[in-house]
Amino acid sequence: MIPRLNERAHTPHDPLAEALGRPVLPGEGMTEHTVVAYWPGLEYFAPDDEHRTWTSDQWAEHLEDPYLEHPFAVSPDGDRRPILHIDVRLHPDDRDLTGPEWAEIAHRLARAAGIEIPGKEDGCRWIAIQTQSDRFDLIANLIHLDGAWHAPPTDVLLRLSDEARRIEQDLHLIPLRTGLTSRPAIRTAPTASAQLGRILTQLADEQAGPLATVRGLIEHTAHRIARQPGAAGTGTAHHLELIARRLNAIQQDLDTAAAHMVQPRVAAVAPAARHTVHRSP
């Protein structure tokens, strides 16, 4: 079992579309076999099994609600992207899991990631989606309904990996076998070009860079306008999406330029002296 931590997003639509393998569209239903687990307290929010009739677009809206209520919420490190996406892949030769087993895995990994706290029903909203026999996706909003930002632990990927090893053992799944390789460290000498390149890297940064913040707000606005009735809203949303794409292209160009500038200069290392053996005549 291999958990992977994906790049965070401003809205749940793209992660949800990736998990489903299709776009998130209004009117397309999602069965209980697709959504195998969800945040505690959903039953009180949607009584009488109302959530069983939600479409994929409605699931996305409910995941997005905390961000819409608090659009200027920000993480401790300045990141405005609240959607956490974790996908988990099983070994191809693993047995088919049952629905309750998928739900157990989802809740255990949600607790390992810190997005589910036992006994806390007003924390992060999250869902687990299983559409393939060897994969499921966990999508969460890190903003609570009260506006507080939940910061996952810095070693979240390590915690997920450790929990995955325990799940493999408990559910008798095929364990991951990897060999660790070590590479010799190379000493580098910083240059003025490298320092300037790091500035460009900060501008293009997808987590805390200023361009990422602007692009995220534009994408968020486009999603909201697209849901408004009328052709004018659709045209405006499309125009905003094009602007966001141009910003994304600028970020990629800056990142490429920074990569060329931040080329380490390997410090010269004197070769080891040869030991000469003197032989007596």
C-alpha atoms as a PDB file:
ATOM      1  CA  MET A   1       0.000   0.000   0.000  1.00  0.00           C
ATOM      2  CA  ILE A   2       1.520   3.292  -1.139  1.00  0.00           C
ATOM      3  CA  PRO A   3       0.002   6.607   0.042  1.00  0.00           C
ATOM      4  CA  ARG A   4       0.833   9.691  -2.007  1.00  0.00           C
ATOM      5  CA  LEU A   5       0.411  13.291  -0.919  1.00  0.00           C
ATOM      6  CA  ASN A   6      -0.669  15.421  -3.883  1.00  0.00           C
ATOM      7  CA  GLU A   7      -0.221  19.128  -4.407  1.00  0.00           C
ATOM      8  CA  ARG A   8      -2.874  21.081  -2.520  1.00  0.00           C
ATOM      9  CA  ALA A   9      -5.687  22.837  -4.440  1.00  0.00           C
ATOM     10  CA  HIS A  10      -8.011  25.818  -3.990  1.00  0.00           C
ATOM     11  CA  THR A  11     -11.179  23.854  -4.764  1.00  0.00           C
ATOM     12  CA  PRO A  12     -12.080  20.162  -4.537  1.00  0.00           C
ATOM     13  CA  HIS A  13     -13.217  19.930  -8.167  1.00  0.00           C
ATOM     14  CA  ASP A  14      -9.913  18.885  -9.765  1.00  0.00           C
ATOM     15  CA  PRO A  15      -8.967  16.307  -7.063  1.00  0.00           C
ATOM     16  CA  LEU A  16     -12.515  14.943  -7.178  1.00  0.00           C
ATOM     17  CA  ALA A  17     -12.402  14.698 -10.976  1.00  0.00           C
ATOM     18  CA  GLU A  18      -9.063  12.865 -10.770  1.00  0.00           C
ATOM     19  CA  ALA A  19     -10.483  10.434  -8.225  1.00  0.00           C
ATOM     20  CA  LEU A  20     -13.606   9.775 -10.318  1.00  0.00           C
ATOM     21  CA  GLY A  21     -11.760   9.631 -13.613  1.00  0.00           C
ATOM     22  CA  ARG A  22     -14.253  12.080 -15.131  1.00  0.00           C
ATOM     23  CA  PRO A  23     -15.246  15.743 -14.786  1.00  0.00           C
ATOM     24  CA  VAL A  24     -17.386  16.860 -11.856  1.00  0.00           C
ATOM     25  CA  LEU A  25     -20.747  17.656 -13.449  1.00  0.00           C
ATOM     26  CA  PRO A  26     -24.143  18.604 -11.988  1.00  0.00           C
ATOM     27  CA  GLY A  27     -26.673  15.778 -11.951  1.00  0.00           C
ATOM     28  CA  GLU A  28     -24.200  12.889 -11.935  1.00  0.00           C
ATOM     29  CA  GLY A  29     -24.831  10.742  -8.894  1.00  0.00           C
ATOM     30  CA  MET A  30     -22.359   9.035  -6.583  1.00  0.00           C
ATOM     31  CA  THR A  31     -23.355   5.837  -4.813  1.00  0.00           C
ATOM     32  CA  GLU A  32     -22.313   4.574  -1.390  1.00  0.00           C
ATOM     33  CA  HIS A  33     -19.972   2.225  -3.229  1.00  0.00           C
ATOM     34  CA  THR A  34     -18.085   5.263  -4.531  1.00  0.00           C
ATOM     35  CA  VAL A  35     -17.990   7.334  -1.332  1.00  0.00           C
ATOM     36  CA  VAL A  36     -16.763   4.742   1.161  1.00  0.00           C
ATOM     37  CA  ALA A  37     -16.184   7.094   4.111  1.00  0.00           C
ATOM     38  CA  TYR A  38     -16.711  10.724   5.141  1.00  0.00           C
ATOM     39  CA  TRP A  39     -16.197  13.188   7.966  1.00  0.00           C
ATOM     40  CA  PRO A  40     -17.798  12.504  11.378  1.00  0.00           C
ATOM     41  CA  GLY A  41     -21.019  14.410  11.939  1.00  0.00           C
ATOM     42  CA  LEU A  42     -22.254  14.217   8.351  1.00  0.00           C
ATOM     43  CA  GLU A  43     -25.305  12.259   9.539  1.00  0.00           C
ATOM     44  CA  TYR A  44     -26.366  15.244  11.669  1.00  0.00           C
ATOM     45  CA  PHE A  45     -25.729  17.637   8.771  1.00  0.00           C
ATOM     46  CA  ALA A  46     -27.655  15.491   6.265  1.00  0.00           C
ATOM     47  CA  PRO A  47     -30.231  13.386   8.160  1.00  0.00           C
ATOM     48  CA  ASP A  48     -32.281  10.547   6.694  1.00  0.00           C
ATOM     49  CA  ASP A  49     -29.404   9.431   4.470  1.00  0.00           C
ATOM     50  CA  GLU A  50     -29.836  12.550   2.350  1.00  0.00           C
ATOM     51  CA  HIS A  51     -26.174  12.376   1.303  1.00  0.00           C
ATOM     52  CA  ARG A  52     -26.822   9.099  -0.537  1.00  0.00           C
ATOM     53  CA  THR A  53     -28.547  11.086  -3.304  1.00  0.00           C
ATOM     54  CA  TRP A  54     -25.905  13.810  -3.624  1.00  0.00           C
ATOM     55  CA  THR A  55     -24.302  14.316  -7.010  1.00  0.00           C
ATOM     56  CA  SER A  56     -20.561  14.693  -7.463  1.00  0.00           C
ATOM     57  CA  ASP A  57     -21.061  18.453  -7.819  1.00  0.00           C
ATOM     58  CA  GLN A  58     -22.969  18.571  -4.520  1.00  0.00           C
ATOM     59  CA  TRP A  59     -20.226  16.642  -2.732  1.00  0.00           C
ATOM     60  CA  ALA A  60     -17.732  19.180  -4.106  1.00  0.00           C
ATOM     61  CA  GLU A  61     -19.883  22.082  -2.879  1.00  0.00           C
ATOM     62  CA  HIS A  62     -20.150  20.671   0.644  1.00  0.00           C
ATOM     63  CA  LEU A  63     -16.394  20.110   0.745  1.00  0.00           C
ATOM     64  CA  GLU A  64     -15.861  23.666  -0.464  1.00  0.00           C
ATOM     65  CA  ASP A  65     -18.296  25.343   1.997  1.00  0.00           C
ATOM     66  CA  PRO A  66     -15.697  26.221   4.691  1.00  0.00           C
ATOM     67  CA  TYR A  67     -13.538  27.985   2.089  1.00  0.00           C
ATOM     68  CA  LEU A  68     -16.508  29.948   0.791  1.00  0.00           C
ATOM     69  CA  GLU A  69     -17.349  31.019   4.342  1.00  0.00           C
ATOM     70  CA  HIS A  70     -13.742  32.032   5.049  1.00  0.00           C
ATOM     71  CA  PRO A  71     -12.115  32.885   1.670  1.00  0.00           C
ATOM     72  CA  PHE A  72      -9.185  34.686   3.288  1.00  0.00           C
ATOM     73  CA  ALA A  73      -8.204  31.893   5.664  1.00  0.00           C
ATOM     74  CA  VAL A  74      -4.514  31.097   5.412  1.00  0.00           C
ATOM     75  CA  SER A  75      -2.208  28.422   6.772  1.00  0.00           C
ATOM     76  CA  PRO A  76       0.611  29.236   9.241  1.00  0.00           C
ATOM     77  CA  ASP A  77       3.072  29.230   6.324  1.00  0.00           C
ATOM     78  CA  GLY A  78       0.957  31.530   4.136  1.00  0.00           C
ATOM     79  CA  ASP A  79      -0.691  28.879   1.941  1.00  0.00           C
ATOM     80  CA  ARG A  80      -4.233  29.704   0.819  1.00  0.00           C
ATOM     81  CA  ARG A  81      -4.945  26.314  -0.776  1.00  0.00           C
ATOM     82  CA  PRO A  82      -7.083  24.340   1.690  1.00  0.00           C
ATOM     83  CA  ILE A  83      -7.866  21.167  -0.268  1.00  0.00           C
ATOM     84  CA  LEU A  84      -5.719  18.212   0.778  1.00  0.00           C
ATOM     85  CA  HIS A  85      -5.644  15.235  -1.607  1.00  0.00           C
ATOM     86  CA  ILE A  86      -4.168  11.851  -0.724  1.00  0.00           C
ATOM     87  CA  ASP A  87      -4.382   8.882  -3.066  1.00  0.00           C
ATOM     88  CA  VAL A  88      -3.552   5.355  -1.960  1.00  0.00           C
ATOM     89  CA  ARG A  89      -2.664   2.458  -4.230  1.00  0.00           C
ATOM     90  CA  LEU A  90      -2.651  -1.203  -3.283  1.00  0.00           C
ATOM     91  CA  HIS A  91      -0.404  -3.895  -4.685  1.00  0.00           C
ATOM     92  CA  PRO A  92      -1.812  -5.126  -8.032  1.00  0.00           C
ATOM     93  CA  ASP A  93      -2.012  -8.667  -6.655  1.00  0.00           C
ATOM     94  CA  ASP A  94      -3.882  -7.715  -3.474  1.00  0.00           C
ATOM     95  CA  ARG A  95      -7.283  -9.257  -2.882  1.00  0.00           C
ATOM     96  CA  ASP A  96     -10.495  -7.285  -3.440  1.00  0.00           C
ATOM     97  CA  LEU A  97     -11.447  -5.377  -0.296  1.00  0.00           C
ATOM     98  CA  THR A  98     -14.962  -5.031   1.062  1.00  0.00           C
ATOM     99  CA  GLY A  99     -16.726  -1.731   1.643  1.00  0.00           C
ATOM    100  CA  PRO A 100     -16.181  -1.805   5.437  1.00  0.00           C
ATOM    101  CA  GLU A 101     -12.484  -2.552   4.877  1.00  0.00           C
ATOM    102  CA  TRP A 102     -12.127   0.454   2.571  1.00  0.00           C
ATOM    103  CA  ALA A 103     -13.940   2.580   5.175  1.00  0.00           C
ATOM    104  CA  GLU A 104     -11.593   1.382   7.923  1.00  0.00           C
ATOM    105  CA  ILE A 105      -8.540   2.210   5.816  1.00  0.00           C
ATOM    106  CA  ALA A 106      -9.937   5.669   5.049  1.00  0.00           C
ATOM    107  CA  HIS A 107     -10.646   6.531   8.695  1.00  0.00           C
ATOM    108  CA  ARG A 108      -7.273   5.230   9.852  1.00  0.00           C
ATOM    109  CA  LEU A 109      -5.373   7.248   7.263  1.00  0.00           C
ATOM    110  CA  ALA A 110      -7.524  10.323   7.987  1.00  0.00           C
ATOM    111  CA  ARG A 111      -6.540  10.058  11.652  1.00  0.00           C
ATOM    112  CA  ALA A 112      -2.900   9.498  10.711  1.00  0.00           C
ATOM    113  CA  ALA A 113      -2.986  12.669   8.591  1.00  0.00           C
ATOM    114  CA  GLY A 114      -4.556  14.572  11.473  1.00  0.00           C
ATOM    115  CA  ILE A 115      -7.697  15.556   9.561  1.00  0.00           C
ATOM    116  CA  GLU A 116      -9.942  13.381  11.721  1.00  0.00           C
ATOM    117  CA  ILE A 117      -9.749  13.688  15.485  1.00  0.00           C
ATOM    118  CA  PRO A 118     -11.777  11.105  17.447  1.00  0.00           C
ATOM    119  CA  GLY A 119     -14.716  12.766  19.209  1.00  0.00           C
ATOM    120  CA  LYS A 120     -14.449  16.001  17.195  1.00  0.00           C
ATOM    121  CA  GLU A 121     -17.392  16.434  14.815  1.00  0.00           C
ATOM    122  CA  ASP A 122     -16.803  20.053  13.736  1.00  0.00           C
ATOM    123  CA  GLY A 123     -13.323  19.567  12.310  1.00  0.00           C
ATOM    124  CA  CYS A 124     -12.233  19.015   8.712  1.00  0.00           C
ATOM    125  CA  ARG A 125     -14.709  17.924   6.094  1.00  0.00           C
ATOM    126  CA  TRP A 126     -13.387  15.002   4.076  1.00  0.00           C
ATOM    127  CA  ILE A 127     -14.542  12.123   1.897  1.00  0.00           C
ATOM    128  CA  ALA A 128     -12.899   8.939   0.662  1.00  0.00           C
ATOM    129  CA  ILE A 129     -13.680   7.805  -2.891  1.00  0.00           C
ATOM    130  CA  GLN A 130     -13.022   4.322  -4.234  1.00  0.00           C
ATOM    131  CA  THR A 131     -13.595   3.807  -7.955  1.00  0.00           C
ATOM    132  CA  GLN A 132     -10.855   1.289  -8.750  1.00  0.00           C
ATOM    133  CA  SER A 133     -10.146  -2.051  -7.095  1.00  0.00           C
ATOM    134  CA  ASP A 134      -6.579  -1.054  -6.180  1.00  0.00           C
ATOM    135  CA  ARG A 135      -6.962   2.660  -5.392  1.00  0.00           C
ATOM    136  CA  PHE A 136      -8.891   5.151  -3.321  1.00  0.00           C
ATOM    137  CA  ASP A 137      -8.663   8.919  -2.815  1.00  0.00           C
ATOM    138  CA  LEU A 138      -9.063  10.954   0.349  1.00  0.00           C
ATOM    139  CA  ILE A 139     -10.018  14.621  -0.197  1.00  0.00           C
ATOM    140  CA  ALA A 140     -10.264  17.062   2.710  1.00  0.00           C
ATOM    141  CA  ASN A 141     -10.781  20.764   3.380  1.00  0.00           C
ATOM    142  CA  LEU A 142      -8.264  22.008   5.960  1.00  0.00           C
ATOM    143  CA  ILE A 143     -10.485  24.958   6.932  1.00  0.00           C
ATOM    144  CA  HIS A 144     -12.929  24.292   9.759  1.00  0.00           C
ATOM    145  CA  LEU A 145     -16.406  25.808   9.685  1.00  0.00           C
ATOM    146  CA  ASP A 146     -15.313  28.296  12.367  1.00  0.00           C
ATOM    147  CA  GLY A 147     -12.530  29.564  10.089  1.00  0.00           C
ATOM    148  CA  ALA A 148      -9.666  27.838  11.900  1.00  0.00           C
ATOM    149  CA  TRP A 149      -7.029  26.322   9.624  1.00  0.00           C
ATOM    150  CA  HIS A 150      -5.931  22.803  10.414  1.00  0.00           C
ATOM    151  CA  ALA A 151      -2.235  22.439   9.709  1.00  0.00           C
ATOM    152  CA  PRO A 152      -1.274  18.774   9.134  1.00  0.00           C
ATOM    153  CA  PRO A 153       1.846  17.567  10.936  1.00  0.00           C
ATOM    154  CA  THR A 154       5.097  18.311   9.144  1.00  0.00           C
ATOM    155  CA  ASP A 155       5.839  14.592   8.924  1.00  0.00           C
ATOM    156  CA  VAL A 156       2.394  13.737   7.571  1.00  0.00           C
ATOM    157  CA  LEU A 157       3.723  11.567   4.723  1.00  0.00           C
ATOM    158  CA  LEU A 158       5.840   9.541   7.157  1.00  0.00           C
ATOM    159  CA  ARG A 159       2.812   9.044   9.404  1.00  0.00           C
ATOM    160  CA  LEU A 160       0.730   7.916   6.458  1.00  0.00           C
ATOM    161  CA  SER A 161       3.429   5.452   5.401  1.00  0.00           C
ATOM    162  CA  ASP A 162       3.759   4.051   8.933  1.00  0.00           C
ATOM    163  CA  GLU A 163      -0.004   3.611   9.211  1.00  0.00           C
ATOM    164  CA  ALA A 164      -0.078   1.956   5.779  1.00  0.00           C
ATOM    165  CA  ARG A 165       2.421  -0.633   7.021  1.00  0.00           C
ATOM    166  CA  ARG A 166       0.182  -1.362  10.031  1.00  0.00           C
ATOM    167  CA  ILE A 167      -2.899  -1.628   7.813  1.00  0.00           C
ATOM    168  CA  GLU A 168      -1.093  -4.099   5.550  1.00  0.00           C
ATOM    169  CA  GLN A 169      -0.383  -6.273   8.563  1.00  0.00           C
ATOM    170  CA  ASP A 170      -3.860  -5.998  10.106  1.00  0.00           C
ATOM    171  CA  LEU A 171      -5.743  -6.678   6.862  1.00  0.00           C
ATOM    172  CA  HIS A 172      -3.234  -9.241   5.537  1.00  0.00           C
ATOM    173  CA  LEU A 173      -2.331  -7.224   2.456  1.00  0.00           C
ATOM    174  CA  ILE A 174       0.823  -7.562   0.392  1.00  0.00           C
ATOM    175  CA  PRO A 175       3.493  -5.466   2.126  1.00  0.00           C
ATOM    176  CA  LEU A 176       5.567  -2.840   0.395  1.00  0.00           C
ATOM    177  CA  ARG A 177       9.171  -3.938   0.023  1.00  0.00           C
ATOM    178  CA  THR A 178      11.632  -1.191  -0.772  1.00  0.00           C
ATOM    179  CA  GLY A 179      15.361  -0.924  -0.483  1.00  0.00           C
ATOM    180  CA  LEU A 180      16.926   2.296   0.687  1.00  0.00           C
ATOM    181  CA  THR A 181      19.783   3.642  -1.357  1.00  0.00           C
ATOM    182  CA  SER A 182      22.178   6.299  -0.262  1.00  0.00           C
ATOM    183  CA  ARG A 183      23.891   8.853  -2.463  1.00  0.00           C
ATOM    184  CA  PRO A 184      27.096  10.660  -1.606  1.00  0.00           C
ATOM    185  CA  ALA A 185      26.595  14.275  -0.626  1.00  0.00           C
ATOM    186  CA  ILE A 186      27.992  16.907  -2.973  1.00  0.00           C
ATOM    187  CA  ARG A 187      29.191  20.143  -1.521  1.00  0.00           C
ATOM    188  CA  THR A 188      28.046  23.201  -3.439  1.00  0.00           C
ATOM    189  CA  ALA A 189      29.182  26.773  -3.396  1.00  0.00           C
ATOM    190  CA  PRO A 190      26.378  29.393  -3.592  1.00  0.00           C
ATOM    191  CA  THR A 191      26.622  32.020  -6.314  1.00  0.00           C
ATOM    192  CA  ALA A 192      24.881  35.343  -6.951  1.00  0.00           C
ATOM    193  CA  SER A 193      23.015  33.708  -9.844  1.00  0.00           C
ATOM    194  CA  ALA A 194      21.789  30.945  -7.562  1.00  0.00           C
ATOM    195  CA  GLN A 195      20.552  33.462  -4.998  1.00  0.00           C
ATOM    196  CA  LEU A 196      18.613  35.367  -7.671  1.00  0.00           C
ATOM    197  CA  GLY A 197      17.251  32.065  -8.930  1.00  0.00           C
ATOM    198  CA  ARG A 198      15.878  31.319  -5.477  1.00  0.00           C
ATOM    199  CA  ILE A 199      13.986  34.615  -5.577  1.00  0.00           C
ATOM    200  CA  LEU A 200      12.330  33.512  -8.821  1.00  0.00           C
ATOM    201  CA  THR A 201      11.556  30.163  -7.216  1.00  0.00           C
ATOM    202  CA  GLN A 202       9.758  31.938  -4.381  1.00  0.00           C
ATOM    203  CA  LEU A 203       7.704  33.957  -6.889  1.00  0.00           C
ATOM    204  CA  ALA A 204       6.701  30.754  -8.706  1.00  0.00           C
ATOM    205  CA  ASP A 205       6.111  28.736  -5.530  1.00  0.00           C
ATOM    206  CA  GLU A 206       2.806  26.848  -5.686  1.00  0.00           C
ATOM    207  CA  GLN A 207       2.252  26.892  -1.927  1.00  0.00           C
ATOM    208  CA  ALA A 208       3.106  30.365  -0.671  1.00  0.00           C
ATOM    209  CA  GLY A 209       4.108  32.346  -3.783  1.00  0.00           C
ATOM    210  CA  PRO A 210       2.224  35.568  -4.533  1.00  0.00           C
ATOM    211  CA  LEU A 211       1.330  34.449  -8.055  1.00  0.00           C
ATOM    212  CA  ALA A 212      -0.192  31.233  -6.681  1.00  0.00           C
ATOM    213  CA  THR A 213      -2.353  33.272  -4.294  1.00  0.00           C
ATOM    214  CA  VAL A 214      -3.595  35.526  -7.103  1.00  0.00           C
ATOM    215  CA  ARG A 215      -4.226  32.579  -9.430  1.00  0.00           C
ATOM    216  CA  GLY A 216      -6.123  30.726  -6.703  1.00  0.00           C
ATOM    217  CA  LEU A 217      -8.439  33.666  -6.070  1.00  0.00           C
ATOM    218  CA  ILE A 218      -9.085  34.014  -9.813  1.00  0.00           C
ATOM    219  CA  GLU A 219      -9.863  30.289 -10.161  1.00  0.00           C
ATOM    220  CA  HIS A 220     -12.142  30.436  -7.147  1.00  0.00           C
ATOM    221  CA  THR A 221     -14.009  33.428  -8.616  1.00  0.00           C
ATOM    222  CA  ALA A 222     -14.345  31.658 -11.957  1.00  0.00           C
ATOM    223  CA  HIS A 223     -15.882  28.578 -10.303  1.00  0.00           C
ATOM    224  CA  ARG A 224     -18.403  30.743  -8.452  1.00  0.00           C
ATOM    225  CA  ILE A 225     -19.388  32.809 -11.499  1.00  0.00           C
ATOM    226  CA  ALA A 226     -19.766  29.686 -13.656  1.00  0.00           C
ATOM    227  CA  ARG A 227     -22.560  28.505 -11.348  1.00  0.00           C
ATOM    228  CA  GLN A 228     -24.565  31.688 -11.896  1.00  0.00           C
ATOM    229  CA  PRO A 229     -27.378  31.522 -14.476  1.00  0.00           C
ATOM    230  CA  GLY A 230     -26.956  33.253 -17.805  1.00  0.00           C
ATOM    231  CA  ALA A 231     -24.504  33.252 -20.687  1.00  0.00           C
ATOM    232  CA  ALA A 232     -22.754  36.381 -19.392  1.00  0.00           C
ATOM    233  CA  GLY A 233     -21.569  34.535 -16.296  1.00  0.00           C
ATOM    234  CA  THR A 234     -20.304  31.619 -18.377  1.00  0.00           C
ATOM    235  CA  GLY A 235     -18.323  33.932 -20.645  1.00  0.00           C
ATOM    236  CA  THR A 236     -16.808  35.797 -17.714  1.00  0.00           C
ATOM    237  CA  ALA A 237     -15.858  32.534 -16.009  1.00  0.00           C
ATOM    238  CA  HIS A 238     -14.158  31.300 -19.184  1.00  0.00           C
ATOM    239  CA  HIS A 239     -12.237  34.574 -19.489  1.00  0.00           C
ATOM    240  CA  LEU A 240     -11.055  34.297 -15.881  1.00  0.00           C
ATOM    241  CA  GLU A 241      -9.943  30.711 -16.460  1.00  0.00           C
ATOM    242  CA  LEU A 242      -7.838  31.886 -19.398  1.00  0.00           C
ATOM    243  CA  ILE A 243      -6.241  34.529 -17.169  1.00  0.00           C
ATOM    244  CA  ALA A 244      -5.488  31.873 -14.541  1.00  0.00           C
ATOM    245  CA  ARG A 245      -3.888  29.669 -17.221  1.00  0.00           C
ATOM    246  CA  ARG A 246      -1.656  32.540 -18.349  1.00  0.00           C
ATOM    247  CA  LEU A 247      -0.566  33.081 -14.755  1.00  0.00           C
ATOM    248  CA  ASN A 248       0.164  29.374 -14.465  1.00  0.00           C
ATOM    249  CA  ALA A 249       2.288  29.566 -17.639  1.00  0.00           C
ATOM    250  CA  ILE A 250       4.184  32.522 -16.151  1.00  0.00           C
ATOM    251  CA  GLN A 251       4.832  30.501 -12.997  1.00  0.00           C
ATOM    252  CA  GLN A 252       6.194  27.620 -15.056  1.00  0.00           C
ATOM    253  CA  ASP A 253       8.416  29.973 -17.065  1.00  0.00           C
ATOM    254  CA  LEU A 254       9.772  31.505 -13.860  1.00  0.00           C
ATOM    255  CA  ASP A 255      10.367  28.066 -12.406  1.00  0.00           C
ATOM    256  CA  THR A 256      12.278  27.002 -15.531  1.00  0.00           C
ATOM    257  CA  ALA A 257      14.390  30.160 -15.457  1.00  0.00           C
ATOM    258  CA  ALA A 258      15.108  29.623 -11.767  1.00  0.00           C
ATOM    259  CA  ALA A 259      16.186  26.035 -12.416  1.00  0.00           C
ATOM    260  CA  HIS A 260      18.804  27.246 -14.906  1.00  0.00           C
ATOM    261  CA  MET A 261      20.067  29.862 -12.475  1.00  0.00           C
ATOM    262  CA  VAL A 262      20.232  27.596  -9.451  1.00  0.00           C
ATOM    263  CA  GLN A 263      22.815  25.253 -10.933  1.00  0.00           C
ATOM    264  CA  PRO A 264      25.148  24.234  -8.133  1.00  0.00           C
ATOM    265  CA  ARG A 265      28.816  24.803  -8.634  1.00  0.00           C
ATOM    266  CA  VAL A 266      30.576  21.745  -7.318  1.00  0.00           C
ATOM    267  CA  ALA A 267      33.375  22.662  -5.004  1.00  0.00           C
ATOM    268  CA  ALA A 268      36.679  21.280  -6.101  1.00  0.00           C
ATOM    269  CA  VAL A 269      37.854  18.408  -3.990  1.00  0.00           C
ATOM    270  CA  ALA A 270      41.543  17.612  -4.006  1.00  0.00           C
ATOM    271  CA  PRO A 271      42.245  14.053  -5.082  1.00  0.00           C
ATOM    272  CA  ALA A 272      43.595  11.756  -2.435  1.00  0.00           C
ATOM    273  CA  ALA A 273      47.393  11.689  -2.345  1.00  0.00           C
ATOM    274  CA  ARG A 274      48.955   8.536  -3.623  1.00  0.00           C
ATOM    275  CA  HIS A 275      51.131   6.636  -1.258  1.00  0.00           C
ATOM    276  CA  THR A 276      54.440   5.805  -2.928  1.00  0.00           C
ATOM    277  CA  VAL A 277      56.119   2.678  -1.722  1.00  0.00           C
ATOM    278  CA  HIS A 278      59.863   2.955  -1.717  1.00  0.00           C
ATOM    279  CA  ARG A 279      61.595  -0.271  -2.388  1.00  0.00           C
ATOM    280  CA  SER A 280      65.150  -0.841  -1.318  1.00  0.00           C
ATOM    281  CA  PRO A 281      67.531  -1.749  -4.137  1.00  0.00           C
END
